[in-house]
Amino acid sequence: MAIVKSKITEESNIQLHTEYDQEFIDRVNGQLFSLNAYDKDLDDTDTLIMSFKTNPLFNMHAKIDFICANLPLFELLEAPTITADSGTNIVILNNNLNSDVVSGVTNAETVPANTGTLGATISDDGTAKITKLLGTETIKVILKKDTVYALRITSDTADSIGHINLFFTEEG
């Protein structure tokens, strides 16, 4: 069974569609967390970057949805050096509204393009790079404990919209 979230943005009338499996949620007693970053005005070569540090006690089982209204470059970056508090904080949500469990993820923020070194580009299969020249990409990956990651969309046309959805559970 799948749960679907949809949102139609007022600015573009583009439907942002996210789907995740109930099995993904059930693995950890219904604790599904999420982070979201959005930019409604990406110009050519502009970037939308979300960074965060994973829980020091648990692996992050992540489903990452990159959505962009053009032909962007999507990247998952490990161990970037991000200038602390250089961006806008992102609220970490527990999508189980009946729960008061809090994620161990820290330093979740959107960051400006020139705030540090973005580190190695990795993919869900361990190869050198995730590059997909389409409007959407979904990556499922288990991220390391106590590690900083960045998710980046690089636009290749003016007046585009970028959206990053990160859904995750934290497991031993």
N, C-alpha and C. Protein backbone atom coordinates (compact mmCIF):
# COMPACT_ATOMS: atom_id res chain seq x y z
N MET A 1 0.84 -1.17 0.00
CA MET A 1 0.00 0.00 0.00
C MET A 1 0.89 1.23 0.00
N ALA A 2 0.51 2.24 -0.71
CA ALA A 2 1.30 3.48 -0.79
C ALA A 2 0.50 4.64 -0.24
N ILE A 3 1.22 5.55 0.38
CA ILE A 3 0.63 6.81 0.83
C ILE A 3 1.13 7.87 -0.13
N VAL A 4 0.25 8.73 -0.57
CA VAL A 4 0.63 9.74 -1.56
C VAL A 4 0.35 11.12 -1.00
N LYS A 5 1.31 12.01 -1.16
CA LYS A 5 1.11 13.42 -0.84
C LYS A 5 1.24 14.19 -2.14
N SER A 6 0.34 15.10 -2.40
CA SER A 6 0.42 15.92 -3.60
C SER A 6 0.23 17.37 -3.23
N LYS A 7 0.91 18.23 -3.96
CA LYS A 7 0.77 19.66 -3.75
C LYS A 7 0.87 20.32 -5.12
N ILE A 8 -0.05 21.21 -5.41
CA ILE A 8 0.04 21.99 -6.64
C ILE A 8 0.51 23.38 -6.24
N THR A 9 1.65 23.78 -6.75
CA THR A 9 2.20 25.09 -6.38
C THR A 9 1.40 26.18 -7.06
N GLU A 10 1.13 27.23 -6.32
CA GLU A 10 0.37 28.34 -6.88
C GLU A 10 1.16 29.06 -7.97
N GLU A 11 2.47 29.15 -7.79
CA GLU A 11 3.29 29.91 -8.71
C GLU A 11 3.36 29.28 -10.10
N SER A 12 3.34 27.96 -10.17
CA SER A 12 3.59 27.32 -11.45
C SER A 12 2.51 26.35 -11.90
N ASN A 13 1.61 26.01 -10.99
CA ASN A 13 0.60 25.00 -11.28
C ASN A 13 1.22 23.65 -11.59
N ILE A 14 2.46 23.42 -11.13
CA ILE A 14 3.12 22.13 -11.28
C ILE A 14 2.78 21.27 -10.08
N GLN A 15 2.40 20.03 -10.31
CA GLN A 15 2.05 19.16 -9.21
C GLN A 15 3.31 18.50 -8.68
N LEU A 16 3.55 18.69 -7.37
CA LEU A 16 4.66 18.03 -6.69
C LEU A 16 4.07 16.81 -6.02
N HIS A 17 4.49 15.63 -6.45
CA HIS A 17 3.85 14.38 -6.06
C HIS A 17 4.88 13.51 -5.35
N THR A 18 4.56 13.10 -4.13
CA THR A 18 5.46 12.26 -3.35
C THR A 18 4.72 11.02 -2.91
N GLU A 19 5.36 9.87 -3.08
CA GLU A 19 4.74 8.61 -2.70
C GLU A 19 5.74 7.81 -1.88
N TYR A 20 5.27 7.19 -0.80
CA TYR A 20 6.14 6.31 -0.04
C TYR A 20 5.32 5.13 0.46
N ASP A 21 5.96 4.00 0.65
CA ASP A 21 5.28 2.77 1.00
C ASP A 21 4.98 2.70 2.48
N GLN A 22 3.84 2.12 2.81
CA GLN A 22 3.48 1.92 4.22
C GLN A 22 4.52 1.04 4.90
N GLU A 23 5.09 0.07 4.18
CA GLU A 23 6.13 -0.80 4.75
C GLU A 23 7.31 0.02 5.26
N PHE A 24 7.66 1.08 4.53
CA PHE A 24 8.75 1.97 4.92
C PHE A 24 8.46 2.58 6.29
N ILE A 25 7.21 2.95 6.54
CA ILE A 25 6.81 3.55 7.80
C ILE A 25 6.71 2.49 8.90
N ASP A 26 6.12 1.34 8.59
CA ASP A 26 5.88 0.31 9.59
C ASP A 26 7.15 -0.27 10.19
N ARG A 27 8.27 -0.20 9.46
CA ARG A 27 9.53 -0.78 9.96
C ARG A 27 9.93 -0.22 11.31
N VAL A 28 9.61 1.02 11.57
CA VAL A 28 10.04 1.66 12.82
C VAL A 28 8.84 2.20 13.60
N ASN A 29 7.82 1.37 13.72
CA ASN A 29 6.64 1.71 14.50
C ASN A 29 6.01 3.04 14.10
N GLY A 30 6.00 3.31 12.82
CA GLY A 30 5.29 4.48 12.33
C GLY A 30 6.02 5.79 12.43
N GLN A 31 7.31 5.78 12.74
CA GLN A 31 8.06 7.03 12.85
C GLN A 31 8.68 7.36 11.50
N LEU A 32 8.06 8.25 10.78
CA LEU A 32 8.57 8.69 9.49
C LEU A 32 8.81 10.19 9.58
N PHE A 33 10.06 10.59 9.38
CA PHE A 33 10.43 11.99 9.47
C PHE A 33 10.59 12.57 8.07
N SER A 34 10.52 13.90 7.98
CA SER A 34 10.72 14.52 6.67
C SER A 34 11.36 15.89 6.80
N LEU A 35 12.11 16.23 5.75
CA LEU A 35 12.69 17.55 5.56
C LEU A 35 12.33 17.99 4.15
N ASN A 36 12.03 19.28 3.98
CA ASN A 36 11.65 19.78 2.66
C ASN A 36 12.32 21.12 2.40
N ALA A 37 12.83 21.29 1.19
CA ALA A 37 13.40 22.56 0.76
C ALA A 37 12.79 22.93 -0.58
N TYR A 38 12.57 24.23 -0.80
CA TYR A 38 11.85 24.68 -1.97
C TYR A 38 12.39 26.04 -2.41
N ASP A 39 12.56 26.22 -3.71
CA ASP A 39 12.94 27.52 -4.26
C ASP A 39 12.11 27.74 -5.51
N LYS A 40 11.33 28.81 -5.54
CA LYS A 40 10.44 29.05 -6.67
C LYS A 40 11.08 29.88 -7.77
N ASP A 41 12.36 30.26 -7.60
CA ASP A 41 13.00 31.12 -8.59
C ASP A 41 14.46 30.73 -8.83
N LEU A 42 14.67 29.53 -9.38
CA LEU A 42 16.01 29.09 -9.75
C LEU A 42 16.31 29.56 -11.17
N ASP A 43 17.37 30.31 -11.35
CA ASP A 43 17.80 30.71 -12.68
C ASP A 43 18.86 29.75 -13.20
N ASP A 44 19.34 29.96 -14.40
CA ASP A 44 20.36 29.11 -15.00
C ASP A 44 21.58 29.03 -14.10
N THR A 45 22.00 27.83 -13.79
CA THR A 45 23.14 27.47 -12.92
C THR A 45 22.90 27.76 -11.44
N ASP A 46 21.73 28.25 -11.04
CA ASP A 46 21.42 28.42 -9.62
C ASP A 46 21.29 27.05 -8.96
N THR A 47 21.52 27.03 -7.65
CA THR A 47 21.40 25.77 -6.92
C THR A 47 20.44 25.90 -5.75
N LEU A 48 19.81 24.79 -5.43
CA LEU A 48 19.06 24.63 -4.19
C LEU A 48 19.79 23.54 -3.42
N ILE A 49 20.27 23.87 -2.23
CA ILE A 49 21.06 22.93 -1.44
C ILE A 49 20.43 22.76 -0.07
N MET A 50 20.20 21.50 0.30
CA MET A 50 19.73 21.15 1.64
C MET A 50 20.87 20.38 2.31
N SER A 51 21.25 20.79 3.50
CA SER A 51 22.28 20.04 4.23
C SER A 51 21.75 19.62 5.59
N PHE A 52 22.34 18.55 6.14
CA PHE A 52 21.93 18.04 7.44
C PHE A 52 23.01 17.08 7.95
N LYS A 53 22.99 16.83 9.24
CA LYS A 53 23.88 15.85 9.86
C LYS A 53 23.01 14.73 10.41
N THR A 54 23.35 13.50 10.04
CA THR A 54 22.54 12.35 10.46
C THR A 54 22.73 12.07 11.95
N ASN A 55 21.78 11.32 12.48
CA ASN A 55 21.75 10.92 13.88
C ASN A 55 23.04 10.17 14.23
N PRO A 56 23.69 10.49 15.36
CA PRO A 56 24.92 9.77 15.72
C PRO A 56 24.68 8.34 16.18
N LEU A 57 23.44 7.98 16.50
CA LEU A 57 23.15 6.65 17.03
C LEU A 57 22.53 5.69 16.02
N PHE A 58 21.92 6.22 14.95
CA PHE A 58 21.17 5.37 14.02
C PHE A 58 21.50 5.71 12.57
N ASN A 59 21.40 4.67 11.72
CA ASN A 59 21.49 4.90 10.28
C ASN A 59 20.21 5.57 9.80
N MET A 60 20.33 6.36 8.76
CA MET A 60 19.17 6.99 8.16
C MET A 60 18.78 6.21 6.91
N HIS A 61 17.58 5.65 6.92
CA HIS A 61 17.03 4.99 5.74
C HIS A 61 16.23 6.06 5.02
N ALA A 62 16.74 6.53 3.89
CA ALA A 62 16.20 7.73 3.26
C ALA A 62 15.58 7.45 1.90
N LYS A 63 14.54 8.21 1.63
CA LYS A 63 13.94 8.29 0.30
C LYS A 63 13.98 9.76 -0.07
N ILE A 64 14.74 10.08 -1.10
CA ILE A 64 14.95 11.47 -1.50
C ILE A 64 14.24 11.70 -2.83
N ASP A 65 13.39 12.69 -2.86
CA ASP A 65 12.71 13.09 -4.09
C ASP A 65 13.24 14.46 -4.51
N PHE A 66 13.84 14.50 -5.69
CA PHE A 66 14.26 15.76 -6.30
C PHE A 66 13.22 16.10 -7.35
N ILE A 67 12.74 17.32 -7.35
CA ILE A 67 11.73 17.75 -8.32
C ILE A 67 12.16 19.11 -8.85
N CYS A 68 12.18 19.26 -10.17
CA CYS A 68 12.55 20.55 -10.75
C CYS A 68 11.82 20.71 -12.08
N ALA A 69 11.47 21.95 -12.40
CA ALA A 69 10.66 22.22 -13.58
C ALA A 69 11.50 22.46 -14.83
N ASN A 70 12.64 21.84 -14.90
CA ASN A 70 13.47 21.93 -16.11
C ASN A 70 14.34 20.69 -16.21
N LEU A 71 15.51 20.79 -16.80
CA LEU A 71 16.44 19.67 -16.93
C LEU A 71 17.63 19.89 -15.99
N PRO A 72 17.45 19.60 -14.70
CA PRO A 72 18.48 19.92 -13.72
C PRO A 72 19.49 18.80 -13.53
N LEU A 73 20.48 19.09 -12.70
CA LEU A 73 21.43 18.10 -12.21
C LEU A 73 21.07 17.85 -10.76
N PHE A 74 20.84 16.59 -10.39
CA PHE A 74 20.53 16.21 -9.01
C PHE A 74 21.75 15.52 -8.41
N GLU A 75 22.09 15.89 -7.16
CA GLU A 75 23.27 15.29 -6.53
C GLU A 75 23.05 15.04 -5.04
N LEU A 76 23.61 13.93 -4.58
CA LEU A 76 23.72 13.60 -3.17
C LEU A 76 25.19 13.68 -2.83
N LEU A 77 25.54 14.54 -1.85
CA LEU A 77 26.95 14.80 -1.54
C LEU A 77 27.24 14.40 -0.10
N GLU A 78 28.34 13.66 0.08
CA GLU A 78 28.72 13.19 1.41
C GLU A 78 29.88 14.01 1.96
N ALA A 79 29.79 14.33 3.24
CA ALA A 79 30.84 15.03 4.00
C ALA A 79 31.20 16.40 3.43
N PRO A 80 30.21 17.21 3.10
CA PRO A 80 30.54 18.57 2.69
C PRO A 80 30.98 19.38 3.91
N THR A 81 31.73 20.42 3.66
CA THR A 81 32.08 21.36 4.72
C THR A 81 31.17 22.57 4.54
N ILE A 82 30.17 22.66 5.38
CA ILE A 82 29.19 23.74 5.28
C ILE A 82 29.45 24.72 6.41
N THR A 83 29.48 26.00 6.09
CA THR A 83 29.64 27.02 7.12
C THR A 83 28.43 26.96 8.06
N ALA A 84 28.69 26.79 9.35
CA ALA A 84 27.62 26.62 10.33
C ALA A 84 26.66 27.80 10.31
N ASP A 85 25.38 27.49 10.37
CA ASP A 85 24.31 28.50 10.43
C ASP A 85 24.39 29.52 9.31
N SER A 86 24.80 29.09 8.14
CA SER A 86 24.90 30.00 7.00
C SER A 86 23.60 30.08 6.21
N GLY A 87 22.69 29.19 6.50
CA GLY A 87 21.47 29.14 5.72
C GLY A 87 20.22 29.33 6.56
N THR A 88 19.12 28.84 6.03
CA THR A 88 17.82 28.93 6.69
C THR A 88 17.49 27.57 7.29
N ASN A 89 17.19 27.54 8.58
CA ASN A 89 16.86 26.28 9.24
C ASN A 89 15.63 25.64 8.63
N ILE A 90 15.64 24.30 8.58
CA ILE A 90 14.50 23.52 8.10
C ILE A 90 13.94 22.75 9.28
N VAL A 91 12.64 22.82 9.47
CA VAL A 91 11.99 22.08 10.54
C VAL A 91 11.93 20.61 10.16
N ILE A 92 12.34 19.75 11.09
CA ILE A 92 12.26 18.31 10.89
C ILE A 92 10.90 17.86 11.42
N LEU A 93 10.10 17.29 10.54
CA LEU A 93 8.75 16.88 10.91
C LEU A 93 8.69 15.38 11.16
N ASN A 94 7.95 14.98 12.19
CA ASN A 94 7.58 13.58 12.35
C ASN A 94 6.20 13.47 11.71
N ASN A 95 6.10 12.74 10.62
CA ASN A 95 4.85 12.64 9.89
C ASN A 95 3.79 11.83 10.62
N ASN A 96 4.16 11.19 11.74
CA ASN A 96 3.19 10.54 12.60
C ASN A 96 2.73 11.58 13.61
N LEU A 97 1.60 12.20 13.36
CA LEU A 97 1.11 13.29 14.20
C LEU A 97 0.64 12.82 15.57
N ASN A 98 0.57 11.51 15.79
CA ASN A 98 0.22 10.96 17.10
C ASN A 98 1.45 10.71 17.96
N SER A 99 2.61 11.05 17.48
CA SER A 99 3.86 10.74 18.16
C SER A 99 4.60 12.00 18.56
N ASP A 100 5.29 11.92 19.69
CA ASP A 100 6.15 13.03 20.10
C ASP A 100 7.63 12.68 19.97
N VAL A 101 7.94 11.60 19.24
CA VAL A 101 9.32 11.19 19.00
C VAL A 101 10.02 12.25 18.15
N VAL A 102 11.24 12.59 18.52
CA VAL A 102 12.02 13.60 17.82
C VAL A 102 13.20 12.94 17.13
N SER A 103 13.50 13.36 15.92
CA SER A 103 14.64 12.84 15.17
C SER A 103 15.94 13.31 15.78
N GLY A 104 17.00 12.50 15.58
CA GLY A 104 18.34 12.88 16.02
C GLY A 104 19.12 13.64 14.97
N VAL A 105 18.49 13.96 13.84
CA VAL A 105 19.15 14.73 12.79
C VAL A 105 19.35 16.17 13.28
N THR A 106 20.51 16.74 12.97
CA THR A 106 20.81 18.11 13.39
C THR A 106 21.26 18.95 12.19
N ASN A 107 21.33 20.26 12.41
CA ASN A 107 21.85 21.22 11.44
C ASN A 107 21.15 21.13 10.09
N ALA A 108 19.85 20.90 10.09
CA ALA A 108 19.10 20.83 8.84
C ALA A 108 18.83 22.25 8.36
N GLU A 109 19.31 22.56 7.16
CA GLU A 109 19.12 23.91 6.63
C GLU A 109 19.29 23.94 5.12
N THR A 110 18.71 24.96 4.50
CA THR A 110 19.05 25.26 3.12
C THR A 110 20.22 26.22 3.18
N VAL A 111 21.17 26.05 2.30
CA VAL A 111 22.39 26.86 2.37
C VAL A 111 22.66 27.58 1.06
N PRO A 112 23.25 28.77 1.13
CA PRO A 112 23.65 29.46 -0.10
C PRO A 112 24.72 28.65 -0.84
N ALA A 113 24.88 28.92 -2.11
CA ALA A 113 25.80 28.15 -2.94
C ALA A 113 27.25 28.25 -2.50
N ASN A 114 27.69 29.37 -1.98
CA ASN A 114 29.10 29.56 -1.67
C ASN A 114 29.37 29.60 -0.18
N THR A 115 29.06 28.51 0.52
CA THR A 115 29.24 28.49 1.97
C THR A 115 30.26 27.46 2.42
N GLY A 116 30.94 26.82 1.53
CA GLY A 116 31.92 25.82 1.92
C GLY A 116 32.17 24.85 0.79
N THR A 117 32.84 23.76 1.10
CA THR A 117 33.14 22.73 0.10
C THR A 117 32.07 21.66 0.16
N LEU A 118 31.51 21.30 -0.98
CA LEU A 118 30.41 20.36 -0.98
C LEU A 118 30.83 18.90 -0.94
N GLY A 119 32.09 18.58 -1.04
CA GLY A 119 32.53 17.21 -0.81
C GLY A 119 32.27 16.27 -1.95
N ALA A 120 32.42 14.99 -1.67
CA ALA A 120 32.31 13.94 -2.69
C ALA A 120 30.88 13.76 -3.15
N THR A 121 30.70 13.61 -4.44
CA THR A 121 29.39 13.32 -5.00
C THR A 121 29.23 11.81 -5.04
N ILE A 122 28.17 11.31 -4.42
CA ILE A 122 27.94 9.86 -4.39
C ILE A 122 26.55 9.57 -4.89
N SER A 123 26.26 8.30 -5.10
CA SER A 123 24.91 7.91 -5.48
C SER A 123 24.46 6.76 -4.62
N ASP A 124 23.23 6.33 -4.83
CA ASP A 124 22.69 5.24 -4.03
C ASP A 124 23.36 3.91 -4.32
N ASP A 125 24.06 3.78 -5.44
CA ASP A 125 24.74 2.52 -5.73
C ASP A 125 26.26 2.63 -5.56
N GLY A 126 26.73 3.72 -4.96
CA GLY A 126 28.14 3.86 -4.64
C GLY A 126 29.00 4.31 -5.81
N THR A 127 28.41 4.63 -6.94
CA THR A 127 29.20 5.09 -8.07
C THR A 127 29.49 6.57 -7.94
N ALA A 128 30.14 7.13 -8.92
CA ALA A 128 30.69 8.47 -8.81
C ALA A 128 29.66 9.58 -8.75
N LYS A 129 28.54 9.47 -9.42
CA LYS A 129 27.67 10.64 -9.52
C LYS A 129 26.24 10.23 -9.84
N ILE A 130 25.30 10.98 -9.29
CA ILE A 130 23.91 10.88 -9.71
C ILE A 130 23.68 12.03 -10.66
N THR A 131 23.38 11.72 -11.88
CA THR A 131 23.09 12.76 -12.85
C THR A 131 21.89 12.30 -13.65
N LYS A 132 20.83 13.04 -13.60
CA LYS A 132 19.66 12.67 -14.37
C LYS A 132 19.07 13.94 -14.96
N LEU A 133 19.00 14.00 -16.24
CA LEU A 133 18.50 15.19 -16.91
C LEU A 133 17.00 15.07 -17.18
N LEU A 134 16.25 14.95 -16.11
CA LEU A 134 14.79 14.91 -16.17
C LEU A 134 14.26 15.81 -15.08
N GLY A 135 12.96 15.95 -15.01
CA GLY A 135 12.37 16.82 -14.02
C GLY A 135 12.26 16.24 -12.62
N THR A 136 12.33 14.90 -12.48
CA THR A 136 12.24 14.29 -11.16
C THR A 136 13.25 13.15 -11.04
N GLU A 137 13.61 12.86 -9.81
CA GLU A 137 14.50 11.74 -9.51
C GLU A 137 14.19 11.30 -8.09
N THR A 138 14.12 9.99 -7.87
CA THR A 138 13.94 9.44 -6.53
C THR A 138 15.11 8.53 -6.23
N ILE A 139 15.67 8.70 -5.05
CA ILE A 139 16.82 7.90 -4.61
C ILE A 139 16.46 7.28 -3.27
N LYS A 140 16.67 5.97 -3.13
CA LYS A 140 16.53 5.31 -1.84
C LYS A 140 17.92 4.85 -1.42
N VAL A 141 18.32 5.23 -0.20
CA VAL A 141 19.68 4.97 0.23
C VAL A 141 19.74 4.92 1.75
N ILE A 142 20.68 4.16 2.30
CA ILE A 142 20.93 4.14 3.73
C ILE A 142 22.17 5.00 3.96
N LEU A 143 22.00 6.09 4.70
CA LEU A 143 23.09 7.02 4.95
C LEU A 143 23.79 6.68 6.26
N LYS A 144 25.07 7.00 6.33
CA LYS A 144 25.89 6.71 7.51
C LYS A 144 25.45 7.50 8.72
N LYS A 145 25.75 6.95 9.89
CA LYS A 145 25.51 7.65 11.15
C LYS A 145 26.45 8.85 11.26
N ASP A 146 26.01 9.88 11.96
CA ASP A 146 26.87 11.00 12.36
C ASP A 146 27.69 11.59 11.21
N THR A 147 27.04 11.78 10.08
CA THR A 147 27.72 12.26 8.87
C THR A 147 26.92 13.41 8.27
N VAL A 148 27.63 14.41 7.75
CA VAL A 148 26.98 15.53 7.09
C VAL A 148 26.75 15.17 5.62
N TYR A 149 25.56 15.50 5.13
CA TYR A 149 25.20 15.29 3.73
C TYR A 149 24.61 16.57 3.17
N ALA A 150 24.69 16.71 1.87
CA ALA A 150 24.01 17.80 1.17
C ALA A 150 23.28 17.20 -0.03
N LEU A 151 22.11 17.72 -0.30
CA LEU A 151 21.33 17.38 -1.48
C LEU A 151 21.27 18.63 -2.32
N ARG A 152 21.62 18.50 -3.61
CA ARG A 152 21.72 19.70 -4.45
C ARG A 152 21.01 19.51 -5.79
N ILE A 153 20.25 20.53 -6.16
CA ILE A 153 19.68 20.65 -7.50
C ILE A 153 20.39 21.83 -8.16
N THR A 154 20.89 21.62 -9.37
CA THR A 154 21.47 22.72 -10.15
C THR A 154 20.60 22.90 -11.40
N SER A 155 20.03 24.08 -11.53
CA SER A 155 19.13 24.39 -12.63
C SER A 155 19.92 24.66 -13.91
N ASP A 156 19.30 24.39 -15.05
CA ASP A 156 19.97 24.72 -16.31
C ASP A 156 19.16 25.68 -17.19
N THR A 157 18.08 26.22 -16.63
CA THR A 157 17.31 27.25 -17.35
C THR A 157 16.82 28.29 -16.35
N ALA A 158 16.42 29.43 -16.85
CA ALA A 158 15.92 30.50 -15.99
C ALA A 158 14.48 30.21 -15.54
N ASP A 159 14.09 30.85 -14.48
CA ASP A 159 12.72 30.82 -13.99
C ASP A 159 12.20 29.40 -13.75
N SER A 160 12.97 28.62 -13.00
CA SER A 160 12.58 27.26 -12.69
C SER A 160 12.21 27.14 -11.21
N ILE A 161 11.59 26.04 -10.87
CA ILE A 161 11.23 25.74 -9.49
C ILE A 161 11.97 24.49 -9.06
N GLY A 162 12.54 24.51 -7.86
CA GLY A 162 13.22 23.33 -7.32
C GLY A 162 12.61 22.93 -6.00
N HIS A 163 12.50 21.62 -5.79
CA HIS A 163 11.92 21.10 -4.54
C HIS A 163 12.67 19.83 -4.17
N ILE A 164 13.10 19.73 -2.91
CA ILE A 164 13.74 18.52 -2.40
C ILE A 164 12.90 18.03 -1.23
N ASN A 165 12.44 16.79 -1.31
CA ASN A 165 11.74 16.13 -0.21
C ASN A 165 12.62 14.99 0.29
N LEU A 166 12.88 14.95 1.57
CA LEU A 166 13.64 13.86 2.18
C LEU A 166 12.75 13.21 3.23
N PHE A 167 12.37 11.97 3.00
CA PHE A 167 11.63 11.18 3.96
C PHE A 167 12.59 10.16 4.54
N PHE A 168 12.56 9.97 5.87
CA PHE A 168 13.53 9.04 6.45
C PHE A 168 13.03 8.42 7.74
N THR A 169 13.61 7.24 8.02
CA THR A 169 13.46 6.59 9.31
C THR A 169 14.86 6.48 9.89
N GLU A 170 14.94 6.30 11.20
CA GLU A 170 16.22 6.13 11.88
C GLU A 170 16.23 4.76 12.53
N GLU A 171 17.19 3.92 12.10
CA GLU A 171 17.24 2.54 12.56
C GLU A 171 18.68 2.16 12.90
N GLY A 172 18.80 1.22 13.87
CA GLY A 172 20.11 0.74 14.30
C GLY A 172 20.86 0.13 13.20
